[in-house]
Amino acid sequence: QRFMCIYFPLDAGVCDNESVQTVCINSINHQRTDKWDFLLCSEATCCMRVLNLSSCLRNLKSHAKQA
């Protein structure tokens, strides 16, 4: 499963919500980089909210080890 760091709206709500997953996918497709928060996401599902890029990258590495 492929993980990546993207921006995500701060007020999007919980990540297991179907509409939130759609926004997450759309954000990847359109490479949104305006004032949004970082989330760690798979291609289909938002996994967890992270505070900044460095913690996001740490999460990516730990997920890669588990995979």
N, C-alpha and C. Protein backbone atom coordinates (compact mmCIF):
# COMPACT_ATOMS: atom_id res chain seq x y z
N GLN A 1 0.85 -1.19 0.00
CA GLN A 1 0.00 0.00 0.00
C GLN A 1 0.89 1.24 0.00
N ARG A 2 0.56 2.17 -0.87
CA ARG A 2 1.40 3.34 -1.06
C ARG A 2 0.92 4.50 -0.18
N PHE A 3 1.84 5.11 0.58
CA PHE A 3 1.51 6.24 1.42
C PHE A 3 2.18 7.50 0.91
N MET A 4 1.55 8.63 1.16
CA MET A 4 2.14 9.90 0.73
C MET A 4 1.67 11.02 1.66
N CYS A 5 2.43 12.12 1.68
CA CYS A 5 2.04 13.29 2.46
C CYS A 5 1.30 14.28 1.56
N ILE A 6 0.12 14.72 2.00
CA ILE A 6 -0.61 15.73 1.25
C ILE A 6 -1.19 16.76 2.22
N TYR A 7 -1.64 17.87 1.67
CA TYR A 7 -2.38 18.85 2.47
C TYR A 7 -3.85 18.46 2.54
N PHE A 8 -4.50 18.88 3.62
CA PHE A 8 -5.90 18.51 3.83
C PHE A 8 -6.60 19.61 4.63
N PRO A 9 -7.88 19.88 4.35
CA PRO A 9 -8.59 20.95 5.08
C PRO A 9 -8.62 20.67 6.58
N LEU A 10 -8.37 21.71 7.38
CA LEU A 10 -8.35 21.56 8.83
C LEU A 10 -9.72 21.17 9.38
N ASP A 11 -10.79 21.58 8.70
CA ASP A 11 -12.14 21.37 9.24
C ASP A 11 -12.85 20.19 8.57
N ALA A 12 -12.09 19.25 8.04
CA ALA A 12 -12.68 18.17 7.25
C ALA A 12 -13.40 17.13 8.10
N GLY A 13 -13.07 17.06 9.40
CA GLY A 13 -13.73 16.07 10.23
C GLY A 13 -12.94 14.78 10.31
N VAL A 14 -13.59 13.70 10.72
CA VAL A 14 -12.89 12.44 10.96
C VAL A 14 -12.50 11.76 9.65
N CYS A 15 -11.39 11.03 9.67
CA CYS A 15 -10.82 10.52 8.44
C CYS A 15 -11.46 9.24 7.94
N ASP A 16 -12.34 8.62 8.71
CA ASP A 16 -12.98 7.41 8.20
C ASP A 16 -14.30 7.76 7.49
N ASN A 17 -14.53 9.06 7.33
CA ASN A 17 -15.74 9.51 6.63
C ASN A 17 -15.54 9.40 5.14
N GLU A 18 -16.55 8.87 4.43
CA GLU A 18 -16.41 8.61 3.00
C GLU A 18 -16.12 9.88 2.20
N SER A 19 -16.80 10.98 2.54
CA SER A 19 -16.59 12.23 1.82
C SER A 19 -15.19 12.78 2.09
N VAL A 20 -14.66 12.54 3.28
CA VAL A 20 -13.31 12.97 3.61
C VAL A 20 -12.30 12.20 2.77
N GLN A 21 -12.53 10.90 2.58
CA GLN A 21 -11.65 10.09 1.76
C GLN A 21 -11.64 10.61 0.32
N THR A 22 -12.80 11.02 -0.16
CA THR A 22 -12.91 11.55 -1.52
C THR A 22 -12.10 12.83 -1.67
N VAL A 23 -12.22 13.72 -0.68
CA VAL A 23 -11.45 14.97 -0.71
C VAL A 23 -9.96 14.66 -0.67
N CYS A 24 -9.59 13.66 0.12
CA CYS A 24 -8.20 13.25 0.23
C CYS A 24 -7.67 12.80 -1.12
N ILE A 25 -8.41 11.97 -1.81
CA ILE A 25 -8.00 11.49 -3.13
C ILE A 25 -7.93 12.64 -4.12
N ASN A 26 -8.94 13.51 -4.10
CA ASN A 26 -8.95 14.67 -4.99
C ASN A 26 -7.75 15.57 -4.74
N SER A 27 -7.37 15.70 -3.47
CA SER A 27 -6.23 16.55 -3.13
C SER A 27 -4.95 15.98 -3.73
N ILE A 28 -4.80 14.66 -3.69
CA ILE A 28 -3.64 14.02 -4.29
C ILE A 28 -3.64 14.27 -5.80
N ASN A 29 -4.79 14.10 -6.42
CA ASN A 29 -4.89 14.25 -7.86
C ASN A 29 -4.58 15.67 -8.33
N HIS A 30 -5.01 16.65 -7.52
CA HIS A 30 -4.86 18.04 -7.93
C HIS A 30 -3.67 18.74 -7.28
N GLN A 31 -2.92 17.98 -6.45
CA GLN A 31 -1.72 18.51 -5.80
C GLN A 31 -1.98 19.85 -5.11
N ARG A 32 -2.99 19.87 -4.26
CA ARG A 32 -3.34 21.10 -3.56
C ARG A 32 -2.23 21.47 -2.57
N THR A 33 -1.81 22.72 -2.58
CA THR A 33 -0.76 23.15 -1.67
C THR A 33 -1.11 24.47 -0.97
N ASP A 34 -2.38 24.81 -0.88
CA ASP A 34 -2.74 26.03 -0.15
C ASP A 34 -2.73 25.74 1.35
N LYS A 35 -3.18 26.68 2.17
CA LYS A 35 -2.96 26.62 3.61
C LYS A 35 -3.76 25.50 4.29
N TRP A 36 -3.32 24.27 4.07
CA TRP A 36 -3.98 23.12 4.66
C TRP A 36 -3.04 22.37 5.58
N ASP A 37 -3.62 21.50 6.39
CA ASP A 37 -2.85 20.69 7.32
C ASP A 37 -2.36 19.43 6.63
N PHE A 38 -1.22 18.87 7.10
CA PHE A 38 -0.73 17.62 6.54
C PHE A 38 -1.51 16.43 7.06
N LEU A 39 -1.81 15.51 6.17
CA LEU A 39 -2.35 14.21 6.56
C LEU A 39 -1.52 13.13 5.91
N LEU A 40 -1.41 12.01 6.62
CA LEU A 40 -0.81 10.83 6.01
C LEU A 40 -1.93 10.00 5.41
N CYS A 41 -1.85 9.71 4.11
CA CYS A 41 -2.96 9.04 3.43
C CYS A 41 -2.46 7.92 2.55
N SER A 42 -3.32 6.90 2.43
CA SER A 42 -3.10 5.94 1.36
C SER A 42 -3.83 6.47 0.14
N GLU A 43 -3.85 5.75 -0.94
CA GLU A 43 -4.51 6.24 -2.13
C GLU A 43 -6.03 6.27 -1.95
N ALA A 44 -6.57 5.42 -1.12
CA ALA A 44 -8.02 5.32 -0.97
C ALA A 44 -8.52 5.81 0.38
N THR A 45 -7.68 5.80 1.42
CA THR A 45 -8.16 6.07 2.76
C THR A 45 -7.25 7.04 3.50
N CYS A 46 -7.83 8.00 4.18
CA CYS A 46 -7.04 8.87 5.04
C CYS A 46 -6.65 8.11 6.31
N CYS A 47 -5.37 8.11 6.61
CA CYS A 47 -4.90 7.27 7.70
C CYS A 47 -4.84 8.00 9.03
N MET A 48 -4.13 9.13 9.06
CA MET A 48 -4.02 9.86 10.32
C MET A 48 -3.63 11.29 10.05
N ARG A 49 -4.06 12.19 10.92
CA ARG A 49 -3.64 13.58 10.82
C ARG A 49 -2.28 13.72 11.49
N VAL A 50 -1.37 14.42 10.85
CA VAL A 50 -0.08 14.68 11.46
C VAL A 50 0.16 16.18 11.50
N LEU A 51 0.98 16.63 12.45
CA LEU A 51 1.12 18.06 12.72
C LEU A 51 2.00 18.77 11.71
N ASN A 52 3.01 18.09 11.18
CA ASN A 52 3.93 18.77 10.27
C ASN A 52 4.59 17.76 9.35
N LEU A 53 5.39 18.26 8.42
CA LEU A 53 5.99 17.40 7.41
C LEU A 53 6.96 16.39 8.02
N SER A 54 7.74 16.81 9.01
CA SER A 54 8.74 15.90 9.58
C SER A 54 8.08 14.70 10.26
N SER A 55 7.01 14.93 11.01
CA SER A 55 6.32 13.81 11.64
C SER A 55 5.62 12.96 10.59
N CYS A 56 5.15 13.60 9.51
CA CYS A 56 4.55 12.86 8.42
C CYS A 56 5.57 11.92 7.79
N LEU A 57 6.77 12.42 7.56
CA LEU A 57 7.81 11.59 6.96
C LEU A 57 8.23 10.45 7.88
N ARG A 58 8.26 10.71 9.20
CA ARG A 58 8.56 9.64 10.15
C ARG A 58 7.50 8.55 10.07
N ASN A 59 6.24 8.97 9.96
CA ASN A 59 5.15 8.00 9.83
C ASN A 59 5.27 7.20 8.54
N LEU A 60 5.66 7.86 7.47
CA LEU A 60 5.85 7.16 6.20
C LEU A 60 6.91 6.07 6.35
N LYS A 61 8.00 6.38 7.04
CA LYS A 61 9.07 5.41 7.21
C LYS A 61 8.61 4.23 8.06
N SER A 62 7.87 4.50 9.13
CA SER A 62 7.42 3.41 9.99
C SER A 62 6.40 2.53 9.27
N HIS A 63 5.54 3.13 8.45
CA HIS A 63 4.59 2.36 7.65
C HIS A 63 5.33 1.49 6.63
N ALA A 64 6.40 2.03 6.06
CA ALA A 64 7.17 1.29 5.07
C ALA A 64 7.82 0.06 5.71
N LYS A 65 8.27 0.21 6.96
CA LYS A 65 8.87 -0.93 7.66
C LYS A 65 7.83 -2.01 7.94
N GLN A 66 6.61 -1.59 8.29
CA GLN A 66 5.55 -2.56 8.60
C GLN A 66 5.06 -3.28 7.35
N ALA A 67 5.12 -2.63 6.20
CA ALA A 67 4.55 -3.17 4.97
C ALA A 67 5.33 -4.37 4.42
